[in-house]
Amino acid sequence: MKVTHLYHSGCFIELKHHQLLFDYYQGDLCIDKNKPLYVFVSHSHDDHYNQKIFDIKHDYVHYILSNDIKNKHDALYVKPHQTYVIDDIKMYTLISTDLGVGFVVEVENQIIYFAGDLHWWHWQDESDEFNEWQRKIYQQEINRIDKDIDLACVIVDKRQEDDYLLGLQYFLEHVKSRYILPIHYFGNYGISDDLKNEHLQNPYQAKILYVSHQNQIFEI
């Protein structure tokens, strides 16, 4: 699996026979015209959805869009807690704690989790009721993942200050994963050093990828 961190939450995954693009916002795309391309958008926020995806020149491209996105393009519009099959790709969706969906995608004997904006959003200036709802729904949705994950794209957002690890820590403890790609940090690559110095509980020994720059490529 070849994984390109594009920017923010955007990532491009190339397998032997498939290409997957998640939440493109900005960054350089290097698409193989000989492999089908599947474009996923978790929700309509500007930092996850760029309409330039519809300008991609490719003979075989499928768009999988959260149903909060309104446009006239030919696409599969998805909603939470549903299972979908496109060609030989199977996916199921989770409820986001913000807007749209999270994805669990099965392709070429690999399972990929992409959070979108599904996260334990705990904010100091929000009410106890809001923060408790976030905790409850996030844990509920992560607990729905019943298979081992090969690559998990998990939110790590330093705007949450002392609470920025809540979502990642819960995920590490409850989902067996091989690799974690941190996402949703607006180019704040210092987070990678912070994660190296944190004492995370990591019972399944997931490898957290060290992201240092835009358009970084990982071979996993």
N, C-alpha and C. Protein backbone atom coordinates (compact mmCIF):
# COMPACT_ATOMS: atom_id res chain seq x y z
N MET A 1 0.84 -1.18 0.00
CA MET A 1 0.00 0.00 0.00
C MET A 1 0.89 1.25 0.00
N LYS A 2 0.67 2.13 -0.96
CA LYS A 2 1.39 3.39 -1.03
C LYS A 2 0.44 4.50 -0.59
N VAL A 3 0.83 5.21 0.46
CA VAL A 3 -0.04 6.21 1.07
C VAL A 3 0.61 7.58 0.97
N THR A 4 -0.10 8.52 0.40
CA THR A 4 0.40 9.89 0.32
C THR A 4 -0.43 10.79 1.22
N HIS A 5 0.24 11.38 2.21
CA HIS A 5 -0.41 12.44 2.99
C HIS A 5 -0.38 13.70 2.13
N LEU A 6 -1.55 14.17 1.74
CA LEU A 6 -1.64 15.34 0.86
C LEU A 6 -1.55 16.63 1.65
N TYR A 7 -2.55 16.88 2.47
CA TYR A 7 -2.56 18.05 3.36
C TYR A 7 -3.78 17.95 4.24
N HIS A 8 -3.61 18.32 5.52
CA HIS A 8 -4.72 18.34 6.48
C HIS A 8 -5.26 16.93 6.67
N SER A 9 -6.45 16.64 6.11
CA SER A 9 -7.00 15.28 6.21
C SER A 9 -6.90 14.51 4.90
N GLY A 10 -6.50 15.16 3.84
CA GLY A 10 -6.48 14.52 2.54
C GLY A 10 -5.42 13.45 2.43
N CYS A 11 -5.79 12.30 1.91
CA CYS A 11 -4.79 11.26 1.66
C CYS A 11 -5.16 10.47 0.41
N PHE A 12 -4.13 9.98 -0.26
CA PHE A 12 -4.26 9.23 -1.50
C PHE A 12 -3.60 7.87 -1.28
N ILE A 13 -4.35 6.81 -1.57
CA ILE A 13 -3.88 5.45 -1.31
C ILE A 13 -3.87 4.68 -2.62
N GLU A 14 -2.72 4.12 -2.93
CA GLU A 14 -2.60 3.33 -4.14
C GLU A 14 -2.29 1.88 -3.78
N LEU A 15 -3.11 0.97 -4.30
CA LEU A 15 -2.90 -0.46 -4.13
C LEU A 15 -2.59 -1.07 -5.49
N LYS A 16 -2.49 -2.37 -5.54
CA LYS A 16 -2.09 -3.01 -6.79
C LYS A 16 -3.08 -2.74 -7.92
N HIS A 17 -4.37 -2.74 -7.57
CA HIS A 17 -5.39 -2.62 -8.62
C HIS A 17 -6.36 -1.46 -8.41
N HIS A 18 -6.20 -0.69 -7.35
CA HIS A 18 -7.15 0.37 -7.02
C HIS A 18 -6.41 1.61 -6.53
N GLN A 19 -7.09 2.76 -6.68
CA GLN A 19 -6.62 4.03 -6.10
C GLN A 19 -7.78 4.67 -5.34
N LEU A 20 -7.48 5.12 -4.12
CA LEU A 20 -8.50 5.72 -3.25
C LEU A 20 -8.04 7.12 -2.86
N LEU A 21 -8.91 8.09 -3.02
CA LEU A 21 -8.63 9.47 -2.63
C LEU A 21 -9.66 9.88 -1.58
N PHE A 22 -9.16 10.32 -0.41
CA PHE A 22 -10.04 10.70 0.69
C PHE A 22 -9.93 12.19 0.99
N ASP A 23 -11.06 12.86 1.06
CA ASP A 23 -11.19 14.24 1.54
C ASP A 23 -10.12 15.17 0.97
N TYR A 24 -10.04 15.21 -0.34
CA TYR A 24 -9.05 16.09 -0.97
C TYR A 24 -9.37 17.55 -0.67
N TYR A 25 -8.36 18.27 -0.18
CA TYR A 25 -8.46 19.70 0.16
C TYR A 25 -7.44 20.46 -0.68
N GLN A 26 -6.19 20.05 -0.59
CA GLN A 26 -5.13 20.57 -1.44
C GLN A 26 -3.96 19.59 -1.42
N GLY A 27 -3.02 19.80 -2.32
CA GLY A 27 -1.88 18.90 -2.43
C GLY A 27 -1.76 18.37 -3.85
N ASP A 28 -0.62 17.73 -4.14
CA ASP A 28 -0.33 17.24 -5.48
C ASP A 28 -0.87 15.83 -5.66
N LEU A 29 -1.60 15.62 -6.74
CA LEU A 29 -2.12 14.30 -7.05
C LEU A 29 -1.32 13.69 -8.20
N CYS A 30 -0.93 12.45 -8.01
CA CYS A 30 -0.23 11.71 -9.06
C CYS A 30 -1.01 10.43 -9.31
N ILE A 31 -1.94 10.49 -10.25
CA ILE A 31 -2.91 9.41 -10.46
C ILE A 31 -2.48 8.54 -11.62
N ASP A 32 -2.55 7.25 -11.41
CA ASP A 32 -2.26 6.27 -12.45
C ASP A 32 -3.52 6.09 -13.30
N LYS A 33 -3.44 6.46 -14.57
CA LYS A 33 -4.60 6.39 -15.44
C LYS A 33 -5.01 4.95 -15.76
N ASN A 34 -4.16 3.99 -15.40
CA ASN A 34 -4.44 2.59 -15.71
C ASN A 34 -5.16 1.85 -14.59
N LYS A 35 -5.37 2.53 -13.47
CA LYS A 35 -6.09 1.92 -12.35
C LYS A 35 -7.35 2.72 -12.06
N PRO A 36 -8.45 2.07 -11.71
CA PRO A 36 -9.65 2.83 -11.35
C PRO A 36 -9.42 3.68 -10.11
N LEU A 37 -10.10 4.81 -10.08
CA LEU A 37 -9.96 5.78 -8.98
C LEU A 37 -11.30 5.91 -8.27
N TYR A 38 -11.24 5.85 -6.94
CA TYR A 38 -12.44 5.99 -6.10
C TYR A 38 -12.22 7.19 -5.19
N VAL A 39 -13.09 8.18 -5.31
CA VAL A 39 -12.94 9.45 -4.59
C VAL A 39 -13.99 9.52 -3.48
N PHE A 40 -13.51 9.59 -2.24
CA PHE A 40 -14.38 9.62 -1.07
C PHE A 40 -14.39 11.03 -0.47
N VAL A 41 -15.58 11.51 -0.11
CA VAL A 41 -15.69 12.78 0.60
C VAL A 41 -16.61 12.56 1.80
N SER A 42 -16.07 12.80 2.99
CA SER A 42 -16.81 12.46 4.21
C SER A 42 -17.90 13.47 4.56
N HIS A 43 -17.73 14.72 4.12
CA HIS A 43 -18.74 15.74 4.39
C HIS A 43 -18.38 17.02 3.64
N SER A 44 -19.24 18.02 3.77
CA SER A 44 -19.17 19.19 2.89
C SER A 44 -18.31 20.34 3.40
N HIS A 45 -17.68 20.23 4.56
CA HIS A 45 -16.85 21.33 5.06
C HIS A 45 -15.72 21.62 4.07
N ASP A 46 -15.38 22.90 3.96
CA ASP A 46 -14.40 23.32 2.96
C ASP A 46 -13.04 22.68 3.13
N ASP A 47 -12.68 22.29 4.36
CA ASP A 47 -11.36 21.68 4.57
C ASP A 47 -11.37 20.18 4.30
N HIS A 48 -12.49 19.66 3.80
CA HIS A 48 -12.59 18.24 3.44
C HIS A 48 -13.11 18.03 2.01
N TYR A 49 -13.68 19.06 1.43
CA TYR A 49 -14.36 18.92 0.14
C TYR A 49 -13.95 20.05 -0.79
N ASN A 50 -13.26 19.69 -1.84
CA ASN A 50 -12.83 20.64 -2.86
C ASN A 50 -13.43 20.20 -4.19
N GLN A 51 -14.21 21.05 -4.80
CA GLN A 51 -14.91 20.67 -6.03
C GLN A 51 -13.95 20.41 -7.20
N LYS A 52 -12.67 20.67 -7.01
CA LYS A 52 -11.69 20.33 -8.04
C LYS A 52 -11.61 18.82 -8.29
N ILE A 53 -12.14 18.05 -7.35
CA ILE A 53 -12.12 16.60 -7.57
C ILE A 53 -12.89 16.23 -8.84
N PHE A 54 -13.85 17.05 -9.23
CA PHE A 54 -14.64 16.73 -10.41
C PHE A 54 -13.93 17.13 -11.71
N ASP A 55 -12.77 17.75 -11.56
CA ASP A 55 -11.96 18.09 -12.74
C ASP A 55 -10.92 17.03 -13.06
N ILE A 56 -10.84 15.99 -12.22
CA ILE A 56 -9.85 14.94 -12.45
C ILE A 56 -10.15 14.25 -13.78
N LYS A 57 -9.12 14.14 -14.59
CA LYS A 57 -9.26 13.48 -15.89
C LYS A 57 -8.89 12.01 -15.73
N HIS A 58 -9.88 11.18 -15.84
CA HIS A 58 -9.65 9.75 -15.68
C HIS A 58 -10.81 9.02 -16.34
N ASP A 59 -10.52 7.92 -17.01
CA ASP A 59 -11.57 7.19 -17.71
C ASP A 59 -12.47 6.39 -16.78
N TYR A 60 -11.98 6.10 -15.57
CA TYR A 60 -12.74 5.25 -14.66
C TYR A 60 -12.63 5.82 -13.25
N VAL A 61 -13.54 6.71 -12.91
CA VAL A 61 -13.54 7.33 -11.59
C VAL A 61 -14.94 7.24 -10.99
N HIS A 62 -14.98 6.86 -9.72
CA HIS A 62 -16.24 6.79 -8.98
C HIS A 62 -16.17 7.79 -7.81
N TYR A 63 -17.26 8.49 -7.57
CA TYR A 63 -17.34 9.44 -6.46
C TYR A 63 -18.27 8.87 -5.40
N ILE A 64 -17.78 8.84 -4.16
CA ILE A 64 -18.56 8.37 -3.01
C ILE A 64 -18.64 9.55 -2.05
N LEU A 65 -19.80 10.17 -1.98
CA LEU A 65 -19.96 11.43 -1.27
C LEU A 65 -20.98 11.29 -0.15
N SER A 66 -20.69 11.92 0.99
CA SER A 66 -21.68 12.02 2.06
C SER A 66 -22.92 12.74 1.53
N ASN A 67 -24.08 12.33 1.99
CA ASN A 67 -25.31 12.89 1.42
C ASN A 67 -25.64 14.29 1.92
N ASP A 68 -24.77 14.90 2.74
CA ASP A 68 -24.97 16.32 3.04
C ASP A 68 -24.39 17.20 1.94
N ILE A 69 -23.69 16.61 0.98
CA ILE A 69 -23.13 17.35 -0.14
C ILE A 69 -24.18 17.45 -1.24
N LYS A 70 -24.43 18.66 -1.68
CA LYS A 70 -25.46 18.89 -2.69
C LYS A 70 -24.80 19.33 -3.99
N ASN A 71 -24.85 18.49 -4.99
CA ASN A 71 -24.41 18.90 -6.32
C ASN A 71 -25.08 18.00 -7.35
N LYS A 72 -24.79 18.23 -8.60
CA LYS A 72 -25.46 17.52 -9.68
C LYS A 72 -24.55 16.47 -10.33
N HIS A 73 -23.45 16.16 -9.67
CA HIS A 73 -22.53 15.19 -10.24
C HIS A 73 -23.02 13.76 -10.03
N ASP A 74 -22.63 12.90 -10.94
CA ASP A 74 -22.97 11.49 -10.82
C ASP A 74 -22.12 10.88 -9.73
N ALA A 75 -22.74 10.44 -8.65
CA ALA A 75 -22.00 9.94 -7.49
C ALA A 75 -22.88 9.00 -6.69
N LEU A 76 -22.23 8.21 -5.85
CA LEU A 76 -22.95 7.44 -4.83
C LEU A 76 -23.00 8.30 -3.58
N TYR A 77 -24.21 8.65 -3.14
CA TYR A 77 -24.38 9.47 -1.95
C TYR A 77 -24.69 8.55 -0.77
N VAL A 78 -23.88 8.65 0.28
CA VAL A 78 -23.97 7.69 1.37
C VAL A 78 -24.43 8.36 2.65
N LYS A 79 -25.03 7.56 3.52
CA LYS A 79 -25.48 8.03 4.83
C LYS A 79 -24.95 7.08 5.89
N PRO A 80 -25.02 7.47 7.17
CA PRO A 80 -24.42 6.65 8.23
C PRO A 80 -25.09 5.29 8.40
N HIS A 81 -24.30 4.36 8.91
CA HIS A 81 -24.74 3.02 9.29
C HIS A 81 -25.34 2.25 8.12
N GLN A 82 -24.66 2.37 6.98
CA GLN A 82 -25.07 1.62 5.79
C GLN A 82 -23.86 0.90 5.21
N THR A 83 -24.12 -0.17 4.50
CA THR A 83 -23.08 -0.91 3.78
C THR A 83 -23.29 -0.72 2.29
N TYR A 84 -22.20 -0.49 1.57
CA TYR A 84 -22.27 -0.25 0.13
C TYR A 84 -21.19 -1.09 -0.56
N VAL A 85 -21.47 -1.45 -1.79
CA VAL A 85 -20.50 -2.18 -2.61
C VAL A 85 -20.39 -1.49 -3.96
N ILE A 86 -19.16 -1.15 -4.35
CA ILE A 86 -18.87 -0.64 -5.69
C ILE A 86 -17.79 -1.53 -6.28
N ASP A 87 -18.09 -2.14 -7.42
CA ASP A 87 -17.14 -3.08 -8.03
C ASP A 87 -16.75 -4.11 -6.97
N ASP A 88 -15.48 -4.25 -6.68
CA ASP A 88 -15.05 -5.21 -5.66
C ASP A 88 -14.63 -4.53 -4.37
N ILE A 89 -15.15 -3.32 -4.14
CA ILE A 89 -14.89 -2.59 -2.90
C ILE A 89 -16.14 -2.63 -2.03
N LYS A 90 -15.95 -2.99 -0.78
CA LYS A 90 -17.05 -2.98 0.19
C LYS A 90 -16.75 -1.92 1.23
N MET A 91 -17.75 -1.19 1.63
CA MET A 91 -17.53 -0.15 2.64
C MET A 91 -18.75 -0.06 3.55
N TYR A 92 -18.52 0.36 4.78
CA TYR A 92 -19.64 0.74 5.64
C TYR A 92 -19.32 2.06 6.30
N THR A 93 -20.37 2.75 6.68
CA THR A 93 -20.25 4.12 7.14
C THR A 93 -20.61 4.24 8.62
N LEU A 94 -19.98 5.21 9.24
CA LEU A 94 -20.22 5.53 10.65
C LEU A 94 -20.79 6.94 10.76
N ILE A 95 -21.43 7.23 11.88
CA ILE A 95 -21.95 8.58 12.13
C ILE A 95 -20.80 9.48 12.54
N SER A 96 -20.71 10.64 11.95
CA SER A 96 -19.72 11.62 12.39
C SER A 96 -20.24 12.37 13.62
N THR A 97 -19.34 12.75 14.49
CA THR A 97 -19.70 13.58 15.64
C THR A 97 -19.77 15.05 15.26
N ASP A 98 -19.55 15.35 13.98
CA ASP A 98 -19.68 16.72 13.49
C ASP A 98 -20.66 16.76 12.32
N LEU A 99 -20.22 16.31 11.15
CA LEU A 99 -21.07 16.32 9.95
C LEU A 99 -20.63 15.17 9.05
N GLY A 100 -21.61 14.54 8.41
CA GLY A 100 -21.29 13.51 7.43
C GLY A 100 -21.02 12.15 8.03
N VAL A 101 -20.01 11.47 7.49
CA VAL A 101 -19.76 10.08 7.85
C VAL A 101 -18.27 9.81 8.03
N GLY A 102 -17.97 8.71 8.67
CA GLY A 102 -16.65 8.09 8.61
C GLY A 102 -16.77 6.84 7.75
N PHE A 103 -15.64 6.39 7.21
CA PHE A 103 -15.64 5.24 6.30
C PHE A 103 -14.79 4.10 6.84
N VAL A 104 -15.26 2.89 6.64
CA VAL A 104 -14.43 1.69 6.76
C VAL A 104 -14.52 0.99 5.42
N VAL A 105 -13.37 0.85 4.74
CA VAL A 105 -13.33 0.38 3.36
C VAL A 105 -12.51 -0.90 3.28
N GLU A 106 -13.08 -1.92 2.65
CA GLU A 106 -12.40 -3.19 2.44
C GLU A 106 -12.07 -3.32 0.96
N VAL A 107 -10.78 -3.47 0.64
CA VAL A 107 -10.34 -3.54 -0.74
C VAL A 107 -9.02 -4.31 -0.80
N GLU A 108 -8.92 -5.24 -1.72
CA GLU A 108 -7.68 -6.03 -1.92
C GLU A 108 -7.15 -6.62 -0.60
N ASN A 109 -8.05 -7.17 0.19
CA ASN A 109 -7.69 -7.79 1.47
C ASN A 109 -7.08 -6.81 2.46
N GLN A 110 -7.30 -5.52 2.25
CA GLN A 110 -6.88 -4.49 3.18
C GLN A 110 -8.13 -3.79 3.72
N ILE A 111 -8.05 -3.34 4.97
CA ILE A 111 -9.17 -2.60 5.57
C ILE A 111 -8.64 -1.25 6.01
N ILE A 112 -9.32 -0.22 5.53
CA ILE A 112 -8.89 1.16 5.76
C ILE A 112 -10.01 1.90 6.50
N TYR A 113 -9.63 2.56 7.58
CA TYR A 113 -10.56 3.43 8.30
C TYR A 113 -10.20 4.88 8.02
N PHE A 114 -11.21 5.67 7.66
CA PHE A 114 -11.00 7.10 7.45
C PHE A 114 -12.03 7.86 8.26
N ALA A 115 -11.55 8.69 9.19
CA ALA A 115 -12.43 9.31 10.17
C ALA A 115 -13.33 10.40 9.61
N GLY A 116 -12.86 11.15 8.59
CA GLY A 116 -13.60 12.37 8.25
C GLY A 116 -13.55 13.32 9.44
N ASP A 117 -14.71 13.69 9.97
CA ASP A 117 -14.76 14.48 11.20
C ASP A 117 -15.33 13.69 12.37
N LEU A 118 -15.29 12.37 12.28
CA LEU A 118 -15.68 11.53 13.43
C LEU A 118 -14.54 11.56 14.44
N HIS A 119 -14.82 12.17 15.58
CA HIS A 119 -13.75 12.40 16.56
C HIS A 119 -14.38 12.71 17.91
N TRP A 120 -13.57 12.56 18.94
CA TRP A 120 -13.98 12.94 20.30
C TRP A 120 -13.65 14.42 20.45
N TRP A 121 -14.58 15.26 20.02
CA TRP A 121 -14.37 16.70 20.08
C TRP A 121 -14.72 17.20 21.48
N HIS A 122 -13.72 17.42 22.29
CA HIS A 122 -13.90 17.94 23.65
C HIS A 122 -13.30 19.34 23.69
N TRP A 123 -14.14 20.33 23.98
CA TRP A 123 -13.71 21.73 23.99
C TRP A 123 -13.97 22.33 25.36
N GLN A 124 -12.99 23.06 25.87
CA GLN A 124 -13.09 23.64 27.20
C GLN A 124 -14.21 24.67 27.32
N ASP A 125 -14.53 25.36 26.22
CA ASP A 125 -15.56 26.39 26.28
C ASP A 125 -16.95 25.88 25.90
N GLU A 126 -17.08 24.57 25.73
CA GLU A 126 -18.40 24.00 25.45
C GLU A 126 -19.02 23.48 26.75
N SER A 127 -20.32 23.23 26.68
CA SER A 127 -21.05 22.76 27.86
C SER A 127 -20.69 21.30 28.18
N ASP A 128 -20.95 20.92 29.43
CA ASP A 128 -20.74 19.53 29.81
C ASP A 128 -21.60 18.60 28.98
N GLU A 129 -22.81 19.06 28.64
CA GLU A 129 -23.73 18.24 27.85
C GLU A 129 -23.15 17.98 26.45
N PHE A 130 -22.58 19.02 25.83
CA PHE A 130 -21.98 18.86 24.51
C PHE A 130 -20.82 17.88 24.57
N ASN A 131 -19.93 18.08 25.53
CA ASN A 131 -18.74 17.23 25.61
C ASN A 131 -19.09 15.78 25.94
N GLU A 132 -20.12 15.59 26.75
CA GLU A 132 -20.54 14.23 27.08
C GLU A 132 -21.16 13.56 25.86
N TRP A 133 -21.93 14.31 25.08
CA TRP A 133 -22.50 13.75 23.85
C TRP A 133 -21.40 13.33 22.89
N GLN A 134 -20.36 14.16 22.77
CA GLN A 134 -19.24 13.83 21.90
C GLN A 134 -18.58 12.53 22.35
N ARG A 135 -18.33 12.41 23.63
CA ARG A 135 -17.70 11.19 24.15
C ARG A 135 -18.56 9.98 23.84
N LYS A 136 -19.83 10.08 24.13
CA LYS A 136 -20.75 8.94 23.97
C LYS A 136 -20.82 8.49 22.52
N ILE A 137 -21.03 9.42 21.60
CA ILE A 137 -21.21 9.04 20.20
C ILE A 137 -19.89 8.54 19.60
N TYR A 138 -18.78 9.20 19.95
CA TYR A 138 -17.49 8.74 19.42
C TYR A 138 -17.22 7.31 19.86
N GLN A 139 -17.35 7.03 21.14
CA GLN A 139 -17.09 5.69 21.62
C GLN A 139 -18.05 4.68 21.00
N GLN A 140 -19.30 5.07 20.86
CA GLN A 140 -20.30 4.20 20.24
C GLN A 140 -19.88 3.82 18.82
N GLU A 141 -19.42 4.80 18.06
CA GLU A 141 -19.08 4.54 16.66
C GLU A 141 -17.79 3.74 16.53
N ILE A 142 -16.79 4.07 17.32
CA ILE A 142 -15.54 3.30 17.25
C ILE A 142 -15.78 1.86 17.67
N ASN A 143 -16.67 1.65 18.63
CA ASN A 143 -16.98 0.29 19.08
C ASN A 143 -17.70 -0.53 18.01
N ARG A 144 -18.22 0.13 16.98
CA ARG A 144 -18.87 -0.59 15.89
C ARG A 144 -17.85 -1.23 14.94
N ILE A 145 -16.61 -0.80 15.00
CA ILE A 145 -15.58 -1.37 14.13
C ILE A 145 -15.20 -2.74 14.67
N ASP A 146 -15.55 -3.77 13.92
CA ASP A 146 -15.39 -5.13 14.43
C ASP A 146 -14.34 -5.94 13.68
N LYS A 147 -13.49 -5.25 12.89
CA LYS A 147 -12.42 -5.94 12.17
C LYS A 147 -11.10 -5.22 12.41
N ASP A 148 -10.02 -5.97 12.25
CA ASP A 148 -8.70 -5.36 12.37
C ASP A 148 -8.49 -4.40 11.21
N ILE A 149 -7.84 -3.28 11.49
CA ILE A 149 -7.63 -2.23 10.50
C ILE A 149 -6.17 -2.23 10.06
N ASP A 150 -5.95 -2.17 8.76
CA ASP A 150 -4.58 -2.10 8.25
C ASP A 150 -4.05 -0.67 8.27
N LEU A 151 -4.87 0.29 7.87
CA LEU A 151 -4.49 1.70 7.93
C LEU A 151 -5.66 2.49 8.49
N ALA A 152 -5.42 3.21 9.58
CA ALA A 152 -6.45 4.03 10.21
C ALA A 152 -6.04 5.50 10.15
N CYS A 153 -6.87 6.31 9.54
CA CYS A 153 -6.65 7.76 9.47
C CYS A 153 -7.46 8.39 10.58
N VAL A 154 -6.77 8.82 11.64
CA VAL A 154 -7.39 9.22 12.91
C VAL A 154 -7.06 10.68 13.20
N ILE A 155 -8.05 11.41 13.66
CA ILE A 155 -7.88 12.85 13.92
C ILE A 155 -6.98 13.10 15.12
N VAL A 156 -6.03 14.03 14.95
CA VAL A 156 -5.20 14.54 16.04
C VAL A 156 -5.15 16.05 15.83
N ASP A 157 -5.90 16.79 16.63
CA ASP A 157 -6.09 18.22 16.39
C ASP A 157 -5.65 19.01 17.62
N LYS A 158 -4.53 19.73 17.50
CA LYS A 158 -3.94 20.42 18.65
C LYS A 158 -4.79 21.61 19.13
N ARG A 159 -5.81 22.01 18.37
CA ARG A 159 -6.70 23.08 18.85
C ARG A 159 -7.44 22.65 20.11
N GLN A 160 -7.49 21.36 20.36
CA GLN A 160 -8.13 20.85 21.57
C GLN A 160 -7.23 20.95 22.81
N GLU A 161 -6.02 21.44 22.60
CA GLU A 161 -5.08 21.66 23.70
C GLU A 161 -4.87 20.36 24.49
N ASP A 162 -5.10 20.36 25.78
CA ASP A 162 -4.79 19.20 26.61
C ASP A 162 -5.65 17.98 26.28
N ASP A 163 -6.71 18.16 25.50
CA ASP A 163 -7.61 17.07 25.19
C ASP A 163 -7.42 16.51 23.78
N TYR A 164 -6.31 16.86 23.14
CA TYR A 164 -6.16 16.49 21.73
C TYR A 164 -5.94 15.00 21.50
N LEU A 165 -5.60 14.27 22.54
CA LEU A 165 -5.34 12.84 22.40
C LEU A 165 -6.53 11.95 22.74
N LEU A 166 -7.63 12.52 23.15
CA LEU A 166 -8.75 11.70 23.60
C LEU A 166 -9.19 10.70 22.53
N GLY A 167 -9.40 11.18 21.31
CA GLY A 167 -9.88 10.30 20.25
C GLY A 167 -8.87 9.25 19.87
N LEU A 168 -7.62 9.66 19.69
CA LEU A 168 -6.57 8.72 19.31
C LEU A 168 -6.36 7.65 20.38
N GLN A 169 -6.32 8.08 21.65
CA GLN A 169 -6.08 7.11 22.71
C GLN A 169 -7.20 6.07 22.78
N TYR A 170 -8.44 6.50 22.65
CA TYR A 170 -9.54 5.54 22.69
C TYR A 170 -9.45 4.59 21.51
N PHE A 171 -9.12 5.12 20.35
CA PHE A 171 -9.01 4.27 19.16
C PHE A 171 -7.91 3.22 19.34
N LEU A 172 -6.75 3.64 19.81
CA LEU A 172 -5.64 2.70 20.01
C LEU A 172 -6.02 1.57 20.96
N GLU A 173 -6.81 1.87 21.96
CA GLU A 173 -7.16 0.88 22.97
C GLU A 173 -8.27 -0.07 22.52
N HIS A 174 -9.06 0.34 21.52
CA HIS A 174 -10.26 -0.43 21.20
C HIS A 174 -10.29 -1.00 19.79
N VAL A 175 -9.38 -0.60 18.93
CA VAL A 175 -9.36 -1.12 17.56
C VAL A 175 -7.94 -1.61 17.25
N LYS A 176 -7.82 -2.87 16.90
CA LYS A 176 -6.51 -3.41 16.54
C LYS A 176 -6.14 -2.89 15.15
N SER A 177 -5.06 -2.13 15.08
CA SER A 177 -4.64 -1.50 13.83
C SER A 177 -3.15 -1.73 13.60
N ARG A 178 -2.77 -1.80 12.33
CA ARG A 178 -1.36 -1.94 11.99
C ARG A 178 -0.68 -0.57 11.91
N TYR A 179 -1.31 0.36 11.21
CA TYR A 179 -0.73 1.69 11.01
C TYR A 179 -1.77 2.75 11.30
N ILE A 180 -1.31 3.86 11.91
CA ILE A 180 -2.14 5.03 12.17
C ILE A 180 -1.55 6.20 11.39
N LEU A 181 -2.39 6.82 10.56
CA LEU A 181 -2.00 8.07 9.90
C LEU A 181 -2.75 9.20 10.58
N PRO A 182 -2.07 10.05 11.38
CA PRO A 182 -2.75 11.19 11.99
C PRO A 182 -3.22 12.17 10.91
N ILE A 183 -4.41 12.71 11.09
CA ILE A 183 -4.96 13.67 10.13
C ILE A 183 -5.59 14.85 10.88
N HIS A 184 -5.95 15.87 10.11
CA HIS A 184 -6.75 17.01 10.59
C HIS A 184 -5.92 17.95 11.46
N TYR A 185 -4.74 18.35 10.95
CA TYR A 185 -3.92 19.26 11.77
C TYR A 185 -3.40 20.45 10.99
N PHE A 186 -4.02 20.77 9.85
CA PHE A 186 -3.79 22.04 9.14
C PHE A 186 -2.30 22.36 8.97
N GLY A 187 -1.49 21.37 8.66
CA GLY A 187 -0.08 21.62 8.41
C GLY A 187 0.76 21.82 9.65
N ASN A 188 0.23 21.57 10.82
CA ASN A 188 0.99 21.71 12.07
C ASN A 188 1.80 20.44 12.30
N TYR A 189 2.90 20.29 11.57
CA TYR A 189 3.65 19.03 11.59
C TYR A 189 4.44 18.83 12.87
N GLY A 190 4.49 19.83 13.72
CA GLY A 190 5.09 19.64 15.04
C GLY A 190 4.36 18.61 15.87
N ILE A 191 3.12 18.32 15.48
CA ILE A 191 2.34 17.31 16.19
C ILE A 191 3.05 15.95 16.14
N SER A 192 3.77 15.68 15.08
CA SER A 192 4.46 14.38 14.98
C SER A 192 5.48 14.21 16.09
N ASP A 193 6.23 15.27 16.39
CA ASP A 193 7.18 15.20 17.51
C ASP A 193 6.45 15.07 18.84
N ASP A 194 5.34 15.79 18.97
CA ASP A 194 4.56 15.69 20.21
C ASP A 194 4.10 14.26 20.43
N LEU A 195 3.62 13.61 19.36
CA LEU A 195 3.13 12.24 19.50
C LEU A 195 4.25 11.29 19.90
N LYS A 196 5.46 11.51 19.39
CA LYS A 196 6.59 10.66 19.76
C LYS A 196 6.88 10.74 21.24
N ASN A 197 6.60 11.89 21.85
CA ASN A 197 6.94 12.11 23.25
C ASN A 197 5.80 11.80 24.21
N GLU A 198 4.62 11.52 23.65
CA GLU A 198 3.48 11.18 24.50
C GLU A 198 3.59 9.73 24.97
N HIS A 199 3.05 9.47 26.12
CA HIS A 199 3.05 8.10 26.66
C HIS A 199 1.67 7.49 26.40
N LEU A 200 1.45 7.13 25.15
CA LEU A 200 0.16 6.58 24.76
C LEU A 200 0.05 5.11 25.14
N GLN A 201 -1.13 4.71 25.56
CA GLN A 201 -1.41 3.29 25.74
C GLN A 201 -1.69 2.71 24.36
N ASN A 202 -0.87 1.75 23.94
CA ASN A 202 -0.93 1.22 22.59
C ASN A 202 -0.86 -0.30 22.64
N PRO A 203 -1.91 -0.94 23.17
CA PRO A 203 -1.84 -2.38 23.44
C PRO A 203 -1.65 -3.24 22.20
N TYR A 204 -2.08 -2.75 21.02
CA TYR A 204 -1.95 -3.55 19.79
C TYR A 204 -0.70 -3.17 19.00
N GLN A 205 0.11 -2.27 19.56
CA GLN A 205 1.39 -1.88 18.95
C GLN A 205 1.22 -1.32 17.53
N ALA A 206 0.20 -0.50 17.35
CA ALA A 206 0.02 0.17 16.07
C ALA A 206 1.20 1.11 15.82
N LYS A 207 1.65 1.18 14.59
CA LYS A 207 2.73 2.08 14.22
C LYS A 207 2.12 3.42 13.80
N ILE A 208 2.48 4.49 14.51
CA ILE A 208 1.98 5.82 14.18
C ILE A 208 2.95 6.46 13.18
N LEU A 209 2.47 6.74 12.00
CA LEU A 209 3.31 7.29 10.94
C LEU A 209 3.73 8.72 11.30
N TYR A 210 4.99 9.01 11.07
CA TYR A 210 5.55 10.32 11.39
C TYR A 210 5.41 11.22 10.15
N VAL A 211 4.47 12.15 10.22
CA VAL A 211 4.19 13.04 9.10
C VAL A 211 4.96 14.33 9.29
N SER A 212 5.79 14.69 8.31
CA SER A 212 6.65 15.87 8.45
C SER A 212 6.41 16.94 7.40
N HIS A 213 5.68 16.61 6.33
CA HIS A 213 5.50 17.60 5.27
C HIS A 213 4.36 17.20 4.34
N GLN A 214 3.91 18.18 3.59
CA GLN A 214 2.85 17.98 2.63
C GLN A 214 3.35 17.04 1.51
N ASN A 215 2.42 16.23 0.98
CA ASN A 215 2.71 15.29 -0.10
C ASN A 215 3.72 14.22 0.28
N GLN A 216 3.79 13.89 1.57
CA GLN A 216 4.71 12.86 2.03
C GLN A 216 4.18 11.47 1.68
N ILE A 217 5.07 10.59 1.22
CA ILE A 217 4.68 9.26 0.77
C ILE A 217 5.19 8.21 1.75
N PHE A 218 4.33 7.27 2.08
CA PHE A 218 4.67 6.13 2.94
C PHE A 218 4.40 4.85 2.15
N GLU A 219 5.34 3.92 2.18
CA GLU A 219 5.15 2.58 1.63
C GLU A 219 4.94 1.64 2.81
N ILE A 220 3.74 1.09 2.93
CA ILE A 220 3.44 0.24 4.09
C ILE A 220 2.89 -1.11 3.63
